[in-house]
C-alpha cells in the first residue's frame, strides 16, 4: 500500500508567501490547496475536505477568526492559525474561535512543519484495542473518537476530544498543563499554557451545565486541571 498524501488548505492572501509555503510543503510530500481569501477558503474546505487548514489571520475580505469559526461549524479539521509575533491577543482569540494550534510570524519552516505534523499525527493515531471509559454521566469511546454525556453526543473537535479523554482517563488526578501539551499536542510548547487554558474554556462550554461554575473540569491553580465525575 502506498503512502497516503495529506492535504493542507493554505489560507494566505500574499501570493509570494503562498508560493514559498506551498513549495516547501510539497517538497515534504503534502498536497496543497490555496485560498487567497476567506470566501475561497470556505469553498475549498467544502470541496477538497483537507486534512489540515493553515489560516493566516489577516485576510482581505474577512478576518481569519471568522474563517476558523465557520470551519468549525461543519468540520473537525485541525486548524493552525498564523499571526504576527506582537499580536498575542490574536493567539487567545484564535484559539477561542476553535483553532487547535498557532504559529507566529516570522516563523522557521521546520517549526511550521513540526506543528503541522504534530496535528496530523494526533488526529490519525489509532486507538486500536482502546476500551470505552465511563465516569459519572460521561462515556468516552477512543476507538470511535466520540464522547457522550447522559447519552447525548458531545460536539467536540478532535483536540477537545483528546483533552477530555485524557482527563477522564485520569479522573481524580491533577494533570499539569505541560503534560497535556506533551500528551495531546505531541511536543513541548516551551511552557505556553494559553493553548491548554483556552481549549479547556471551550471544552467547559460544551460539557458543563454551567461553565462559570464547573463541576467536572476543575482548575488546580498554578498547576493544571483535574476531572471529577
Protein backbone atom coordinates (compact mmCIF):
# COMPACT_ATOMS: atom_id res chain seq x y z
CA UNK A 1 0.00 0.00 0.00
CA UNK A 2 1.39 3.40 -0.98
CA UNK A 3 1.82 6.37 1.30
CA UNK A 4 -1.36 8.45 1.57
CA UNK A 5 -0.71 12.08 0.69
CA UNK A 6 -2.04 14.51 3.26
CA UNK A 7 -3.63 17.72 2.03
CA UNK A 8 -3.23 21.19 3.52
CA UNK A 9 -5.59 24.10 2.89
CA UNK A 10 -3.33 27.16 2.78
CA UNK A 11 -5.30 30.34 3.50
CA UNK A 12 -2.98 33.27 2.79
CA UNK A 13 -3.54 36.41 0.71
CA UNK A 14 0.13 37.13 -0.05
CA UNK A 15 1.00 35.33 -3.28
CA UNK A 16 4.75 35.24 -2.57
CA UNK A 17 4.24 33.74 0.88
CA UNK A 18 1.83 31.17 -0.54
CA UNK A 19 4.40 30.17 -3.12
CA UNK A 20 7.14 29.71 -0.51
CA UNK A 21 4.94 27.68 1.84
CA UNK A 22 3.38 25.62 -0.93
CA UNK A 23 6.78 24.76 -2.42
CA UNK A 24 8.13 23.74 0.98
CA UNK A 25 5.11 21.60 1.89
CA UNK A 26 5.01 19.90 -1.50
CA UNK A 27 8.70 19.05 -1.14
CA UNK A 28 7.75 17.43 2.19
CA UNK A 29 5.13 15.28 0.48
CA UNK A 30 1.94 17.25 1.09
CA UNK A 31 -0.63 18.32 -1.46
CA UNK A 32 -1.64 21.96 -1.08
CA UNK A 33 -4.90 23.73 -1.87
CA UNK A 34 -4.50 27.52 -1.96
CA UNK A 35 -7.09 30.09 -0.89
CA UNK A 36 -6.24 33.82 -1.04
CA UNK A 37 -9.45 34.95 0.69
CA UNK A 38 -11.82 33.85 3.42
CA UNK A 39 -14.56 33.14 0.91
CA UNK A 40 -12.28 30.99 -1.21
CA UNK A 41 -11.13 29.15 1.95
CA UNK A 42 -14.66 28.09 2.91
CA UNK A 43 -15.42 26.95 -0.64
CA UNK A 44 -12.17 24.99 -0.81
CA UNK A 45 -12.79 23.38 2.58
CA UNK A 46 -16.17 22.09 1.41
CA UNK A 47 -14.85 20.90 -1.95
CA UNK A 48 -11.44 19.48 -1.02
CA UNK A 49 -12.05 18.28 2.57
CA UNK A 50 -8.39 18.91 3.55
CA UNK A 51 -6.58 17.08 6.32
CA UNK A 52 -5.42 20.36 7.88
CA UNK A 53 -6.06 24.08 7.45
CA UNK A 54 -3.32 26.71 7.81
CA UNK A 55 -5.07 30.06 8.22
CA UNK A 56 -3.45 33.49 8.21
CA UNK A 57 -5.50 35.89 10.32
CA UNK A 58 -5.03 38.96 8.12
CA UNK A 59 -7.20 38.38 5.06
CA UNK A 60 -8.58 40.99 2.64
CA UNK A 61 -12.28 40.13 2.82
CA UNK A 62 -12.82 38.83 6.37
CA UNK A 63 -10.77 38.25 9.47
CA UNK A 64 -9.20 34.83 9.89
CA UNK A 65 -11.17 34.36 13.12
CA UNK A 66 -14.34 34.19 11.03
CA UNK A 67 -12.78 31.53 8.82
CA UNK A 68 -11.90 29.46 11.89
CA UNK A 69 -15.40 29.78 13.34
CA UNK A 70 -17.06 28.88 10.05
CA UNK A 71 -14.79 25.89 9.50
CA UNK A 72 -15.60 24.69 13.00
CA UNK A 73 -19.27 24.89 12.13
CA UNK A 74 -19.02 21.98 9.70
CA UNK A 75 -15.60 20.35 10.13
CA UNK A 76 -13.29 18.94 12.79
CA UNK A 77 -10.23 19.51 10.56
CA UNK A 78 -7.15 20.54 12.58
CA UNK A 79 -6.63 24.30 12.24
CA UNK A 80 -3.30 26.07 12.70
CA UNK A 81 -3.52 29.86 12.70
CA UNK A 82 -0.75 32.21 11.61
CA UNK A 83 -0.39 35.51 13.44
CA UNK A 84 2.13 38.31 13.87
CA UNK A 85 4.64 37.94 16.71
CA UNK A 86 3.36 41.04 18.51
CA UNK A 87 -0.34 40.13 18.36
CA UNK A 88 -0.50 37.85 21.38
CA UNK A 89 -4.20 38.67 21.81
CA UNK A 90 -4.75 37.12 18.38
CA UNK A 91 -3.44 33.82 19.72
CA UNK A 92 -6.01 33.77 22.51
CA UNK A 93 -8.86 34.90 20.25
CA UNK A 94 -7.89 32.40 17.56
CA UNK A 95 -7.84 29.51 19.98
CA UNK A 96 -11.16 30.59 21.45
CA UNK A 97 -12.58 30.66 17.93
CA UNK A 98 -11.69 26.98 17.58
CA UNK A 99 -8.12 26.77 16.29
CA UNK A 100 -6.02 23.86 17.52
CA UNK A 101 -2.59 25.48 17.33
CA UNK A 102 -0.78 28.57 16.17
CA UNK A 103 2.50 29.73 14.68
CA UNK A 104 3.79 33.30 14.78
CA UNK A 105 5.41 35.31 12.01
CA UNK A 106 8.19 35.29 11.15
CA UNK A 107 8.44 31.53 11.51
CA UNK A 108 11.01 28.95 10.56
CA UNK A 109 9.65 26.46 8.04
CA UNK A 110 10.79 23.49 10.12
CA UNK A 111 8.79 24.81 13.06
CA UNK A 112 5.71 25.11 10.86
CA UNK A 113 6.28 21.58 9.59
CA UNK A 114 6.62 20.25 13.15
CA UNK A 115 3.31 21.80 14.17
CA UNK A 116 1.52 20.52 11.08
CA UNK A 117 2.87 17.01 11.54
CA UNK A 118 2.01 17.04 15.25
CA UNK A 119 -1.60 17.91 14.44
CA UNK A 120 -1.87 15.27 11.72
CA UNK A 121 -0.18 12.64 13.88
CA UNK A 122 -2.50 13.36 16.78
CA UNK A 123 -5.53 13.19 14.52
CA UNK A 124 -4.55 9.92 12.90
CA UNK A 125 -3.22 7.89 15.83
CA UNK A 126 -5.28 4.74 16.00
CA UNK A 127 -6.87 3.72 19.26
CA UNK A 128 -6.82 0.05 18.47
CA UNK A 129 -7.84 -2.03 21.42
CA UNK A 130 -8.77 1.04 23.46
CA UNK A 131 -11.84 0.45 25.55
CA UNK A 132 -14.63 2.81 26.42
CA UNK A 133 -14.18 4.84 29.58
CA UNK A 134 -17.14 5.69 31.80
CA UNK A 135 -17.07 8.32 34.53
CA UNK A 136 -20.32 9.56 36.04
CA UNK A 137 -22.53 10.85 33.20
CA UNK A 138 -19.66 10.71 30.70
CA UNK A 139 -18.74 7.95 28.29
CA UNK A 140 -15.61 8.29 26.14
CA UNK A 141 -15.03 5.97 23.19
CA UNK A 142 -11.41 6.33 21.95
CA UNK A 143 -11.91 3.97 19.02
CA UNK A 144 -14.85 5.91 17.59
CA UNK A 145 -13.48 9.26 18.80
CA UNK A 146 -16.80 10.07 20.45
CA UNK A 147 -17.79 11.37 23.84
CA UNK A 148 -21.26 11.42 25.38
CA UNK A 149 -22.82 12.99 28.43
CA UNK A 150 -26.04 11.44 29.71
CA UNK A 151 -26.17 9.55 26.43
CA UNK A 152 -26.02 12.69 24.32
CA UNK A 153 -23.18 13.03 21.81
CA UNK A 154 -20.92 15.99 22.60
CA UNK A 155 -19.98 18.21 19.61
CA UNK A 156 -16.22 18.14 20.19
CA UNK A 157 -13.33 18.88 17.88
CA UNK A 158 -10.60 16.25 17.77
CA UNK A 159 -8.40 18.28 20.08
CA UNK A 160 -11.22 18.81 22.57
CA UNK A 161 -11.94 15.09 22.49
CA UNK A 162 -8.29 14.23 23.16
CA UNK A 163 -8.15 16.56 26.17
CA UNK A 164 -11.42 15.27 27.60
CA UNK A 165 -10.31 11.66 27.07
CA UNK A 166 -7.03 12.33 28.86
CA UNK A 167 -8.85 13.96 31.77
CA UNK A 168 -11.49 11.24 32.09
CA UNK A 169 -8.85 8.50 31.91
CA UNK A 170 -7.01 10.24 34.76
CA UNK A 171 -10.10 11.29 36.72
CA UNK A 172 -9.34 12.40 40.23
CA UNK A 173 -5.72 13.17 39.34
CA UNK A 174 -4.37 16.62 38.61
CA UNK A 175 -2.87 16.91 35.13
CA UNK A 176 -0.25 19.58 34.61
CA UNK A 177 -0.56 21.86 31.59
CA UNK A 178 2.84 20.68 30.37
CA UNK A 179 1.70 17.05 30.48
CA UNK A 180 -1.42 17.84 28.47
CA UNK A 181 0.71 19.73 25.95
CA UNK A 182 3.02 16.76 25.54
CA UNK A 183 0.33 14.07 25.52
CA UNK A 184 -2.29 15.82 23.39
CA UNK A 185 -0.35 18.12 21.10
CA UNK A 186 2.62 15.82 20.77
CA UNK A 187 5.53 18.06 21.66
CA UNK A 188 6.68 20.69 24.14
CA UNK A 189 5.34 24.22 23.83
CA UNK A 190 8.01 25.92 25.94
CA UNK A 191 5.55 26.33 28.78
CA UNK A 192 2.89 28.16 26.74
CA UNK A 193 -0.22 27.24 28.70
CA UNK A 194 -2.54 29.50 26.68
CA UNK A 195 -3.22 26.65 24.28
CA UNK A 196 -4.46 24.42 27.10
CA UNK A 197 -6.33 27.13 29.02
CA UNK A 198 -8.30 28.30 26.01
CA UNK A 199 -9.16 24.77 24.94
CA UNK A 200 -10.38 23.96 28.45
CA UNK A 201 -12.50 27.13 28.31
CA UNK A 202 -14.14 25.88 25.10
CA UNK A 203 -14.49 22.37 26.49
CA UNK A 204 -16.29 23.58 29.59
CA UNK A 205 -18.84 25.39 27.45
CA UNK A 206 -19.71 22.02 25.89
CA UNK A 207 -19.57 19.62 28.84
CA UNK A 208 -20.56 21.66 31.90
CA UNK A 209 -24.09 22.63 32.88
CA UNK A 210 -22.64 25.97 34.00
CA UNK A 211 -19.22 26.75 32.52
CA UNK A 212 -18.75 29.58 35.03
CA UNK A 213 -19.16 27.11 37.89
CA UNK A 214 -17.67 23.87 36.56
CA UNK A 215 -18.47 20.66 38.41
CA UNK A 216 -16.31 18.30 36.35
CA UNK A 217 -13.26 20.12 34.96
CA UNK A 218 -11.66 21.72 37.99
CA UNK A 219 -8.81 24.22 37.90
CA UNK A 220 -5.85 23.49 40.14
CA UNK A 221 -4.46 26.99 40.33
CA UNK A 222 -0.90 27.38 39.17
CA UNK A 223 -0.64 23.78 38.01
CA UNK A 224 -3.31 22.38 35.74
CA UNK A 225 -6.70 20.66 35.77
CA UNK A 226 -8.48 17.78 37.45
CA UNK A 227 -11.53 15.89 36.19
CA UNK A 228 -14.19 14.88 38.69
CA UNK A 229 -17.22 12.77 37.79
